[in-house]
PDB file of N, CA and C in Angstrom:
ATOM      1  N   MET A   1      55.357   1.263 -17.356  1.00  0.00           N
ATOM      2  CA  MET A   1      56.617   1.206 -17.032  1.00  0.00           C
ATOM      3  C   MET A   1      56.706   1.919 -15.409  1.00  0.00           C
ATOM      4  N   ASN A   2      57.372   1.256 -14.626  1.00  0.00           N
ATOM      5  CA  ASN A   2      57.435   1.556 -12.998  1.00  0.00           C
ATOM      6  C   ASN A   2      58.876   1.380 -12.546  1.00  0.00           C
ATOM      7  N   ASP A   3      59.050   1.904 -11.450  1.00  0.00           N
ATOM      8  CA  ASP A   3      60.253   2.121 -10.739  1.00  0.00           C
ATOM      9  C   ASP A   3      60.975   0.766 -10.731  1.00  0.00           C
ATOM     10  N   TYR A   4      60.181  -0.070 -10.261  1.00  0.00           N
ATOM     11  CA  TYR A   4      60.632  -1.509 -10.026  1.00  0.00           C
ATOM     12  C   TYR A   4      61.486  -1.974 -11.251  1.00  0.00           C
ATOM     13  N   ILE A   5      60.667  -1.996 -12.407  1.00  0.00           N
ATOM     14  CA  ILE A   5      61.341  -2.447 -13.725  1.00  0.00           C
ATOM     15  C   ILE A   5      62.636  -1.867 -14.147  1.00  0.00           C
ATOM     16  N   ILE A   6      62.639  -0.379 -13.854  1.00  0.00           N
ATOM     17  CA  ILE A   6      63.598   0.413 -14.004  1.00  0.00           C
ATOM     18  C   ILE A   6      65.063  -0.181 -13.316  1.00  0.00           C
ATOM     19  N   LEU A   7      65.007  -0.281 -12.090  1.00  0.00           N
ATOM     20  CA  LEU A   7      65.755  -0.770 -10.977  1.00  0.00           C
ATOM     21  C   LEU A   7      66.091  -2.191 -11.199  1.00  0.00           C
ATOM     22  N   TYR A   8      65.219  -2.981 -11.661  1.00  0.00           N
ATOM     23  CA  TYR A   8      65.635  -4.302 -11.762  1.00  0.00           C
ATOM     24  C   TYR A   8      66.750  -4.441 -13.040  1.00  0.00           C
ATOM     25  N   LEU A   9      66.120  -3.703 -14.224  1.00  0.00           N
ATOM     26  CA  LEU A   9      66.914  -4.029 -15.478  1.00  0.00           C
ATOM     27  C   LEU A   9      68.303  -3.283 -15.359  1.00  0.00           C
ATOM     28  N   LEU A  10      68.390  -2.298 -14.644  1.00  0.00           N
ATOM     29  CA  LEU A  10      69.706  -1.433 -14.615  1.00  0.00           C
ATOM     30  C   LEU A  10      70.548  -1.940 -13.610  1.00  0.00           C
ATOM     31  N   THR A  11      70.078  -2.470 -12.479  1.00  0.00           N
ATOM     32  CA  THR A  11      70.793  -2.777 -11.097  1.00  0.00           C
ATOM     33  C   THR A  11      70.500  -4.223 -10.766  1.00  0.00           C
ATOM     34  N   GLY A  12      69.692  -5.105 -11.110  1.00  0.00           N
ATOM     35  CA  GLY A  12      69.350  -6.299 -10.660  1.00  0.00           C
ATOM     36  C   GLY A  12      69.649  -7.317 -11.580  1.00  0.00           C
ATOM     37  N   THR A  13      70.404  -7.035 -12.613  1.00  0.00           N
ATOM     38  CA  THR A  13      70.762  -8.124 -13.640  1.00  0.00           C
ATOM     39  C   THR A  13      72.218  -7.882 -13.976  1.00  0.00           C
ATOM     40  N   ARG A  14      72.639  -8.995 -14.574  1.00  0.00           N
ATOM     41  CA  ARG A  14      73.965  -9.050 -14.923  1.00  0.00           C
ATOM     42  C   ARG A  14      74.525  -7.843 -15.734  1.00  0.00           C
ATOM     43  N   GLY A  15      73.639  -7.705 -16.981  1.00  0.00           N
ATOM     44  CA  GLY A  15      73.842  -6.733 -18.044  1.00  0.00           C
ATOM     45  C   GLY A  15      73.302  -5.361 -17.836  1.00  0.00           C
ATOM     46  N   GLY A  16      73.201  -4.741 -16.356  1.00  0.00           N
ATOM     47  CA  GLY A  16      72.757  -3.696 -16.001  1.00  0.00           C
ATOM     48  C   GLY A  16      73.602  -2.475 -16.342  1.00  0.00           C
ATOM     49  N   ILE A  17      74.819  -2.845 -16.431  1.00  0.00           N
ATOM     50  CA  ILE A  17      75.995  -1.835 -16.643  1.00  0.00           C
ATOM     51  C   ILE A  17      75.679  -1.353 -17.971  1.00  0.00           C
ATOM     52  N   ASN A  18      75.647  -2.388 -18.761  1.00  0.00           N
ATOM     53  CA  ASN A  18      75.627  -2.113 -20.352  1.00  0.00           C
ATOM     54  C   ASN A  18      74.495  -1.425 -20.684  1.00  0.00           C
ATOM     55  N   ARG A  19      73.449  -1.692 -19.943  1.00  0.00           N
ATOM     56  CA  ARG A  19      72.108  -0.859 -20.481  1.00  0.00           C
ATOM     57  C   ARG A  19      72.206   0.443 -19.819  1.00  0.00           C
ATOM     58  N   ILE A  20      72.849   0.572 -18.873  1.00  0.00           N
ATOM     59  CA  ILE A  20      73.145   2.075 -18.217  1.00  0.00           C
ATOM     60  C   ILE A  20      73.904   2.851 -19.136  1.00  0.00           C
ATOM     61  N   GLN A  21      75.008   2.300 -19.755  1.00  0.00           N
ATOM     62  CA  GLN A  21      75.827   2.817 -20.492  1.00  0.00           C
ATOM     63  C   GLN A  21      75.090   3.295 -21.817  1.00  0.00           C
ATOM     64  N   ILE A  22      74.302   2.390 -22.518  1.00  0.00           N
ATOM     65  CA  ILE A  22      73.504   2.622 -23.657  1.00  0.00           C
ATOM     66  C   ILE A  22      72.671   3.917 -23.307  1.00  0.00           C
ATOM     67  N   LEU A  23      71.691   3.599 -22.313  1.00  0.00           N
ATOM     68  CA  LEU A  23      70.775   4.719 -21.846  1.00  0.00           C
ATOM     69  C   LEU A  23      71.509   6.218 -21.871  1.00  0.00           C
ATOM     70  N   LYS A  24      72.757   6.055 -21.217  1.00  0.00           N
ATOM     71  CA  LYS A  24      73.300   7.311 -21.000  1.00  0.00           C
ATOM     72  C   LYS A  24      73.884   8.097 -22.478  1.00  0.00           C
ATOM     73  N   LEU A  25      74.143   7.192 -23.522  1.00  0.00           N
ATOM     74  CA  LEU A  25      74.388   7.520 -24.609  1.00  0.00           C
ATOM     75  C   LEU A  25      73.460   8.024 -25.347  1.00  0.00           C
ATOM     76  N   LEU A  26      72.254   7.351 -25.223  1.00  0.00           N
ATOM     77  CA  LEU A  26      70.997   7.675 -25.870  1.00  0.00           C
ATOM     78  C   LEU A  26      70.438   9.248 -25.231  1.00  0.00           C
ATOM     79  N   SER A  27      70.782   9.380 -24.177  1.00  0.00           N
ATOM     80  CA  SER A  27      70.186  10.612 -23.468  1.00  0.00           C
ATOM     81  C   SER A  27      70.879  11.802 -24.220  1.00  0.00           C
ATOM     82  N   LYS A  28      72.014  11.629 -24.810  1.00  0.00           N
ATOM     83  CA  LYS A  28      72.783  12.748 -25.256  1.00  0.00           C
ATOM     84  C   LYS A  28      72.345  12.588 -26.965  1.00  0.00           C
ATOM     85  N   GLY A  29      71.770  11.791 -27.462  1.00  0.00           N
ATOM     86  CA  GLY A  29      71.483  11.790 -28.902  1.00  0.00           C
ATOM     87  C   GLY A  29      71.079  10.485 -29.569  1.00  0.00           C
ATOM     88  N   ASN A  30      70.283  10.452 -30.681  1.00  0.00           N
ATOM     89  CA  ASN A  30      69.874   9.047 -31.034  1.00  0.00           C
ATOM     90  C   ASN A  30      71.299   8.741 -31.991  1.00  0.00           C
ATOM     91  N   LEU A  31      71.162   7.220 -31.529  1.00  0.00           N
ATOM     92  CA  LEU A  31      72.215   6.357 -32.414  1.00  0.00           C
ATOM     93  C   LEU A  31      72.038   5.320 -32.847  1.00  0.00           C
ATOM     94  N   ASN A  32      72.666   4.473 -33.948  1.00  0.00           N
ATOM     95  CA  ASN A  32      72.251   3.193 -34.301  1.00  0.00           C
ATOM     96  C   ASN A  32      73.272   2.217 -33.690  1.00  0.00           C
ATOM     97  N   ALA A  33      72.812   1.171 -33.579  1.00  0.00           N
ATOM     98  CA  ALA A  33      73.551   0.057 -32.965  1.00  0.00           C
ATOM     99  C   ALA A  33      75.007   0.009 -33.062  1.00  0.00           C
ATOM    100  N   HIS A  34      75.428   0.108 -34.430  1.00  0.00           N
ATOM    101  CA  HIS A  34      76.752   0.229 -34.829  1.00  0.00           C
ATOM    102  C   HIS A  34      77.539   1.449 -34.028  1.00  0.00           C
ATOM    103  N   LYS A  35      77.009   2.534 -33.803  1.00  0.00           N
ATOM    104  CA  LYS A  35      77.797   3.748 -33.441  1.00  0.00           C
ATOM    105  C   LYS A  35      77.633   3.244 -31.818  1.00  0.00           C
ATOM    106  N   ILE A  36      77.023   2.799 -31.147  1.00  0.00           N
ATOM    107  CA  ILE A  36      76.625   2.331 -29.788  1.00  0.00           C
ATOM    108  C   ILE A  36      77.820   1.507 -29.491  1.00  0.00           C
ATOM    109  N   LYS A  37      77.934   0.246 -30.451  1.00  0.00           N
ATOM    110  CA  LYS A  37      78.960  -0.699 -30.267  1.00  0.00           C
ATOM    111  C   LYS A  37      80.481   0.049 -30.275  1.00  0.00           C
ATOM    112  N   GLU A  38      80.610   0.965 -31.143  1.00  0.00           N
ATOM    113  CA  GLU A  38      81.847   1.682 -31.349  1.00  0.00           C
ATOM    114  C   GLU A  38      82.211   2.681 -29.963  1.00  0.00           C
ATOM    115  N   LYS A  39      81.105   3.309 -29.947  1.00  0.00           N
ATOM    116  CA  LYS A  39      81.480   4.041 -28.390  1.00  0.00           C
ATOM    117  C   LYS A  39      81.765   3.310 -27.166  1.00  0.00           C
ATOM    118  N   LEU A  40      81.070   2.496 -26.912  1.00  0.00           N
ATOM    119  CA  LEU A  40      81.367   1.478 -25.862  1.00  0.00           C
ATOM    120  C   LEU A  40      82.203   0.369 -25.777  1.00  0.00           C
ATOM    121  N   LYS A  41      82.510   0.063 -26.980  1.00  0.00           N
ATOM    122  CA  LYS A  41      83.582  -0.787 -27.257  1.00  0.00           C
ATOM    123  C   LYS A  41      83.080  -2.280 -26.752  1.00  0.00           C
ATOM    124  N   ILE A  42      81.934  -2.894 -27.155  1.00  0.00           N
ATOM    125  CA  ILE A  42      81.399  -4.044 -26.806  1.00  0.00           C
ATOM    126  C   ILE A  42      81.088  -4.811 -27.969  1.00  0.00           C
ATOM    127  N   ASP A  43      80.776  -6.097 -27.898  1.00  0.00           N
ATOM    128  CA  ASP A  43      80.489  -6.760 -29.429  1.00  0.00           C
ATOM    129  C   ASP A  43      79.020  -6.448 -29.492  1.00  0.00           C
ATOM    130  N   TYR A  44      78.945  -6.325 -31.006  1.00  0.00           N
ATOM    131  CA  TYR A  44      77.706  -5.924 -31.677  1.00  0.00           C
ATOM    132  C   TYR A  44      76.621  -6.651 -31.259  1.00  0.00           C
ATOM    133  N   LYS A  45      76.731  -8.222 -31.068  1.00  0.00           N
ATOM    134  CA  LYS A  45      75.621  -8.853 -30.578  1.00  0.00           C
ATOM    135  C   LYS A  45      75.073  -8.512 -29.120  1.00  0.00           C
ATOM    136  N   THR A  46      76.063  -8.213 -28.260  1.00  0.00           N
ATOM    137  CA  THR A  46      75.674  -7.835 -27.153  1.00  0.00           C
ATOM    138  C   THR A  46      74.959  -6.344 -27.091  1.00  0.00           C
ATOM    139  N   VAL A  47      75.282  -5.593 -27.943  1.00  0.00           N
ATOM    140  CA  VAL A  47      74.547  -4.212 -28.024  1.00  0.00           C
ATOM    141  C   VAL A  47      72.854  -4.549 -28.430  1.00  0.00           C
ATOM    142  N   GLN A  48      72.928  -5.510 -29.533  1.00  0.00           N
ATOM    143  CA  GLN A  48      71.706  -5.720 -30.272  1.00  0.00           C
ATOM    144  C   GLN A  48      70.864  -6.574 -28.768  1.00  0.00           C
ATOM    145  N   HIS A  49      71.300  -7.485 -28.097  1.00  0.00           N
ATOM    146  CA  HIS A  49      70.469  -8.136 -27.073  1.00  0.00           C
ATOM    147  C   HIS A  49      70.056  -7.069 -25.953  1.00  0.00           C
ATOM    148  N   HIS A  50      71.134  -6.141 -25.766  1.00  0.00           N
ATOM    149  CA  HIS A  50      70.434  -5.158 -24.598  1.00  0.00           C
ATOM    150  C   HIS A  50      69.261  -4.003 -25.399  1.00  0.00           C
ATOM    151  N   LEU A  51      69.757  -3.817 -26.639  1.00  0.00           N
ATOM    152  CA  LEU A  51      68.689  -3.068 -27.350  1.00  0.00           C
ATOM    153  C   LEU A  51      67.253  -3.755 -27.181  1.00  0.00           C
ATOM    154  N   ARG A  52      67.211  -4.705 -27.680  1.00  0.00           N
ATOM    155  CA  ARG A  52      65.976  -5.733 -27.659  1.00  0.00           C
ATOM    156  C   ARG A  52      65.409  -5.606 -26.318  1.00  0.00           C
ATOM    157  N   LEU A  53      66.190  -5.846 -25.155  1.00  0.00           N
ATOM    158  CA  LEU A  53      65.427  -5.841 -23.870  1.00  0.00           C
ATOM    159  C   LEU A  53      64.713  -4.134 -23.342  1.00  0.00           C
ATOM    160  N   LEU A  54      65.813  -3.523 -23.970  1.00  0.00           N
ATOM    161  CA  LEU A  54      65.385  -1.881 -23.956  1.00  0.00           C
ATOM    162  C   LEU A  54      64.144  -1.572 -24.563  1.00  0.00           C
ATOM    163  N   LEU A  55      63.985  -2.015 -25.707  1.00  0.00           N
ATOM    164  CA  LEU A  55      62.735  -1.789 -26.540  1.00  0.00           C
ATOM    165  C   LEU A  55      61.718  -2.863 -25.981  1.00  0.00           C
ATOM    166  N   LYS A  56      61.915  -3.956 -25.515  1.00  0.00           N
ATOM    167  CA  LYS A  56      60.839  -4.746 -24.958  1.00  0.00           C
ATOM    168  C   LYS A  56      59.968  -3.943 -23.899  1.00  0.00           C
ATOM    169  N   HIS A  57      60.818  -3.536 -22.931  1.00  0.00           N
ATOM    170  CA  HIS A  57      60.600  -2.623 -21.947  1.00  0.00           C
ATOM    171  C   HIS A  57      60.121  -1.247 -22.090  1.00  0.00           C
ATOM    172  N   ARG A  58      60.235  -0.702 -23.295  1.00  0.00           N
ATOM    173  CA  ARG A  58      59.786   0.391 -23.531  1.00  0.00           C
ATOM    174  C   ARG A  58      60.691   1.612 -22.973  1.00  0.00           C
ATOM    175  N   PHE A  59      61.921   1.393 -22.844  1.00  0.00           N
ATOM    176  CA  PHE A  59      62.826   2.291 -22.475  1.00  0.00           C
ATOM    177  C   PHE A  59      63.201   3.224 -23.790  1.00  0.00           C
ATOM    178  N   VAL A  60      63.405   2.461 -24.830  1.00  0.00           N
ATOM    179  CA  VAL A  60      63.969   2.870 -26.094  1.00  0.00           C
ATOM    180  C   VAL A  60      62.848   2.502 -27.104  1.00  0.00           C
ATOM    181  N   THR A  61      63.014   3.595 -28.337  1.00  0.00           N
ATOM    182  CA  THR A  61      62.133   3.007 -29.455  1.00  0.00           C
ATOM    183  C   THR A  61      63.045   3.263 -30.790  1.00  0.00           C
ATOM    184  N   THR A  62      62.816   2.984 -31.889  1.00  0.00           N
ATOM    185  CA  THR A  62      63.438   3.106 -33.054  1.00  0.00           C
ATOM    186  C   THR A  62      62.626   3.898 -34.084  1.00  0.00           C
ATOM    187  N   SER A  63      63.507   4.595 -34.855  1.00  0.00           N
ATOM    188  CA  SER A  63      63.027   5.761 -35.689  1.00  0.00           C
ATOM    189  C   SER A  63      62.686   5.135 -37.164  1.00  0.00           C
ATOM    190  N   ASN A  64      63.319   3.885 -37.596  1.00  0.00           N
ATOM    191  CA  ASN A  64      63.037   2.836 -38.677  1.00  0.00           C
ATOM    192  C   ASN A  64      63.460   1.615 -38.596  1.00  0.00           C
ATOM    193  N   LYS A  65      63.434   0.755 -39.378  1.00  0.00           N
ATOM    194  CA  LYS A  65      64.137  -0.493 -39.436  1.00  0.00           C
ATOM    195  C   LYS A  65      65.374  -0.603 -39.905  1.00  0.00           C
ATOM    196  N   TYR A  66      65.752  -0.276 -41.107  1.00  0.00           N
ATOM    197  CA  TYR A  66      67.112  -0.390 -41.443  1.00  0.00           C
ATOM    198  C   TYR A  66      68.113   0.541 -40.879  1.00  0.00           C
ATOM    199  N   GLY A  67      69.114   0.165 -40.336  1.00  0.00           N
ATOM    200  CA  GLY A  67      69.928   1.205 -39.793  1.00  0.00           C
ATOM    201  C   GLY A  67      69.263   2.034 -38.760  1.00  0.00           C
ATOM    202  N   ALA A  68      68.627   1.351 -38.086  1.00  0.00           N
ATOM    203  CA  ALA A  68      67.671   2.151 -37.086  1.00  0.00           C
ATOM    204  C   ALA A  68      68.123   2.989 -35.989  1.00  0.00           C
ATOM    205  N   LEU A  69      67.748   4.307 -35.879  1.00  0.00           N
ATOM    206  CA  LEU A  69      68.328   4.976 -34.955  1.00  0.00           C
ATOM    207  C   LEU A  69      67.421   4.549 -33.614  1.00  0.00           C
ATOM    208  N   TYR A  70      68.319   4.690 -32.582  1.00  0.00           N
ATOM    209  CA  TYR A  70      67.321   4.292 -31.014  1.00  0.00           C
ATOM    210  C   TYR A  70      67.220   5.719 -30.266  1.00  0.00           C
ATOM    211  N   LEU A  71      66.206   5.745 -29.792  1.00  0.00           N
ATOM    212  CA  LEU A  71      66.000   7.266 -28.939  1.00  0.00           C
ATOM    213  C   LEU A  71      65.033   6.645 -27.965  1.00  0.00           C
ATOM    214  N   LEU A  72      65.380   7.491 -26.757  1.00  0.00           N
ATOM    215  CA  LEU A  72      64.521   7.372 -25.450  1.00  0.00           C
ATOM    216  C   LEU A  72      63.065   7.628 -26.036  1.00  0.00           C
ATOM    217  N   THR A  73      62.134   6.752 -25.065  1.00  0.00           N
ATOM    218  CA  THR A  73      60.863   7.121 -25.289  1.00  0.00           C
ATOM    219  C   THR A  73      60.424   7.998 -24.144  1.00  0.00           C
ATOM    220  N   ASP A  74      59.401   8.677 -24.302  1.00  0.00           N
ATOM    221  CA  ASP A  74      58.929   9.854 -23.676  1.00  0.00           C
ATOM    222  C   ASP A  74      58.542   8.998 -22.241  1.00  0.00           C
ATOM    223  N   GLU A  75      58.052   7.815 -22.371  1.00  0.00           N
ATOM    224  CA  GLU A  75      57.877   7.202 -20.997  1.00  0.00           C
ATOM    225  C   GLU A  75      59.188   6.922 -19.937  1.00  0.00           C
ATOM    226  N   PHE A  76      60.349   6.764 -20.935  1.00  0.00           N
ATOM    227  CA  PHE A  76      61.269   6.609 -20.089  1.00  0.00           C
ATOM    228  C   PHE A  76      61.832   7.892 -19.522  1.00  0.00           C
ATOM    229  N   LYS A  77      61.558   8.914 -20.191  1.00  0.00           N
ATOM    230  CA  LYS A  77      62.322  10.214 -19.979  1.00  0.00           C
ATOM    231  C   LYS A  77      61.331  10.874 -18.683  1.00  0.00           C
ATOM    232  N   ARG A  78      60.251  10.245 -18.403  1.00  0.00           N
ATOM    233  CA  ARG A  78      59.540  10.917 -17.306  1.00  0.00           C
ATOM    234  C   ARG A  78      60.139  10.464 -15.897  1.00  0.00           C
ATOM    235  N   HIS A  79      60.979   9.420 -16.056  1.00  0.00           N
ATOM    236  CA  HIS A  79      61.717   8.449 -15.153  1.00  0.00           C
ATOM    237  C   HIS A  79      63.109   8.932 -15.107  1.00  0.00           C
ATOM    238  N   MET A  80      63.527  10.018 -15.613  1.00  0.00           N
ATOM    239  CA  MET A  80      64.835  10.450 -15.952  1.00  0.00           C
ATOM    240  C   MET A  80      65.637  10.894 -14.566  1.00  0.00           C
ATOM    241  N   ASN A  81      64.757  11.184 -13.472  1.00  0.00           N
ATOM    242  CA  ASN A  81      65.432  11.435 -12.161  1.00  0.00           C
ATOM    243  C   ASN A  81      65.765  10.203 -11.532  1.00  0.00           C
ATOM    244  N   LEU A  82      64.761   9.151 -11.568  1.00  0.00           N
ATOM    245  CA  LEU A  82      65.381   7.945 -10.919  1.00  0.00           C
ATOM    246  C   LEU A  82      66.749   7.338 -11.962  1.00  0.00           C
ATOM    247  N   PHE A  83      66.965   7.390 -13.313  1.00  0.00           N
ATOM    248  CA  PHE A  83      67.976   7.035 -13.620  1.00  0.00           C
ATOM    249  C   PHE A  83      69.095   7.912 -13.505  1.00  0.00           C
ATOM    250  N   LYS A  84      69.017   8.965 -13.264  1.00  0.00           N
ATOM    251  CA  LYS A  84      70.174  10.070 -12.756  1.00  0.00           C
ATOM    252  C   LYS A  84      70.881   9.574 -11.370  1.00  0.00           C
ATOM    253  N   GLU A  85      69.688   9.073 -10.473  1.00  0.00           N
ATOM    254  CA  GLU A  85      70.188   8.667  -9.238  1.00  0.00           C
ATOM    255  C   GLU A  85      71.011   7.359  -9.439  1.00  0.00           C
ATOM    256  N   ILE A  86      70.260   6.324 -10.136  1.00  0.00           N
ATOM    257  CA  ILE A  86      71.242   5.205 -10.364  1.00  0.00           C
ATOM    258  C   ILE A  86      72.706   5.617 -10.946  1.00  0.00           C
ATOM    259  N   LEU A  87      72.574   6.562 -11.874  1.00  0.00           N
ATOM    260  CA  LEU A  87      73.716   6.666 -12.680  1.00  0.00           C
ATOM    261  C   LEU A  87      74.506   7.179 -11.460  1.00  0.00           C
ATOM    262  N   ALA A  88      74.120   8.085 -10.681  1.00  0.00           N
ATOM    263  CA  ALA A  88      75.213   8.724  -9.592  1.00  0.00           C
ATOM    264  C   ALA A  88      75.778   7.623  -8.738  1.00  0.00           C
ATOM    265  N   LYS A  89      74.720   6.724  -8.377  1.00  0.00           N
ATOM    266  CA  LYS A  89      75.376   5.384  -7.414  1.00  0.00           C
ATOM    267  C   LYS A  89      76.280   4.614  -8.213  1.00  0.00           C
ATOM    268  N   VAL A  90      76.062   4.334  -9.327  1.00  0.00           N
ATOM    269  CA  VAL A  90      77.004   3.507 -10.276  1.00  0.00           C
ATOM    270  C   VAL A  90      78.485   4.105 -10.213  1.00  0.00           C
ATOM    271  N   ASN A  91      78.413   5.260 -10.713  1.00  0.00           N
ATOM    272  CA  ASN A  91      79.524   6.283 -10.770  1.00  0.00           C
ATOM    273  C   ASN A  91      80.376   6.183  -9.607  1.00  0.00           C
ATOM    274  N   LYS A  92      79.707   6.372  -8.230  1.00  0.00           N
ATOM    275  CA  LYS A  92      80.359   6.241  -6.922  1.00  0.00           C
ATOM    276  C   LYS A  92      80.904   5.024  -6.971  1.00  0.00           C
ATOM    277  N   SER A  93      80.336   4.128  -7.119  1.00  0.00           N
ATOM    278  CA  SER A  93      80.686   2.588  -6.976  1.00  0.00           C
ATOM    279  C   SER A  93      82.088   2.485  -7.805  1.00  0.00           C
ATOM    280  N   ILE A  94      81.970   2.757  -8.989  1.00  0.00           N
ATOM    281  CA  ILE A  94      83.143   2.803  -9.931  1.00  0.00           C
ATOM    282  C   ILE A  94      84.489   3.580  -9.575  1.00  0.00           C
ATOM    283  N   GLU A  95      84.086   4.611  -8.754  1.00  0.00           N
ATOM    284  CA  GLU A  95      85.329   5.376  -8.380  1.00  0.00           C
ATOM    285  C   GLU A  95      85.884   4.605  -7.140  1.00  0.00           C
ATOM    286  N   ARG A  96      85.276   3.900  -6.302  1.00  0.00           N
ATOM    287  CA  ARG A  96      85.941   3.006  -5.295  1.00  0.00           C
ATOM    288  C   ARG A  96      86.746   2.127  -5.708  1.00  0.00           C
ATOM    289  N   LEU A  97      86.793   1.643  -7.114  1.00  0.00           N
ATOM    290  CA  LEU A  97      87.588   0.628  -7.373  1.00  0.00           C
ATOM    291  C   LEU A  97      88.773   0.915  -7.705  1.00  0.00           C
TER     292      LEU A  97
END
């Protein structure tokens, strides 16, 4: 995983904001897809889609198959400073609205 992939998936695509919100939730603790759906108030299929992308690019991993808990990978945690920078810029953009 490199900085370009992180920037692209979180800021360069349409669903970046949803992925940022999911990662922000997971940075506070492990959750399953249903809990993520409830907290973010977005469609379950949308949550599943973003989790598949985050799994594919090794941002998150799962604890098991049924009722899987999602958690941040150690690889992603090594890039937490970049994530926090992105989060700060997104928050600043939202405040302007």
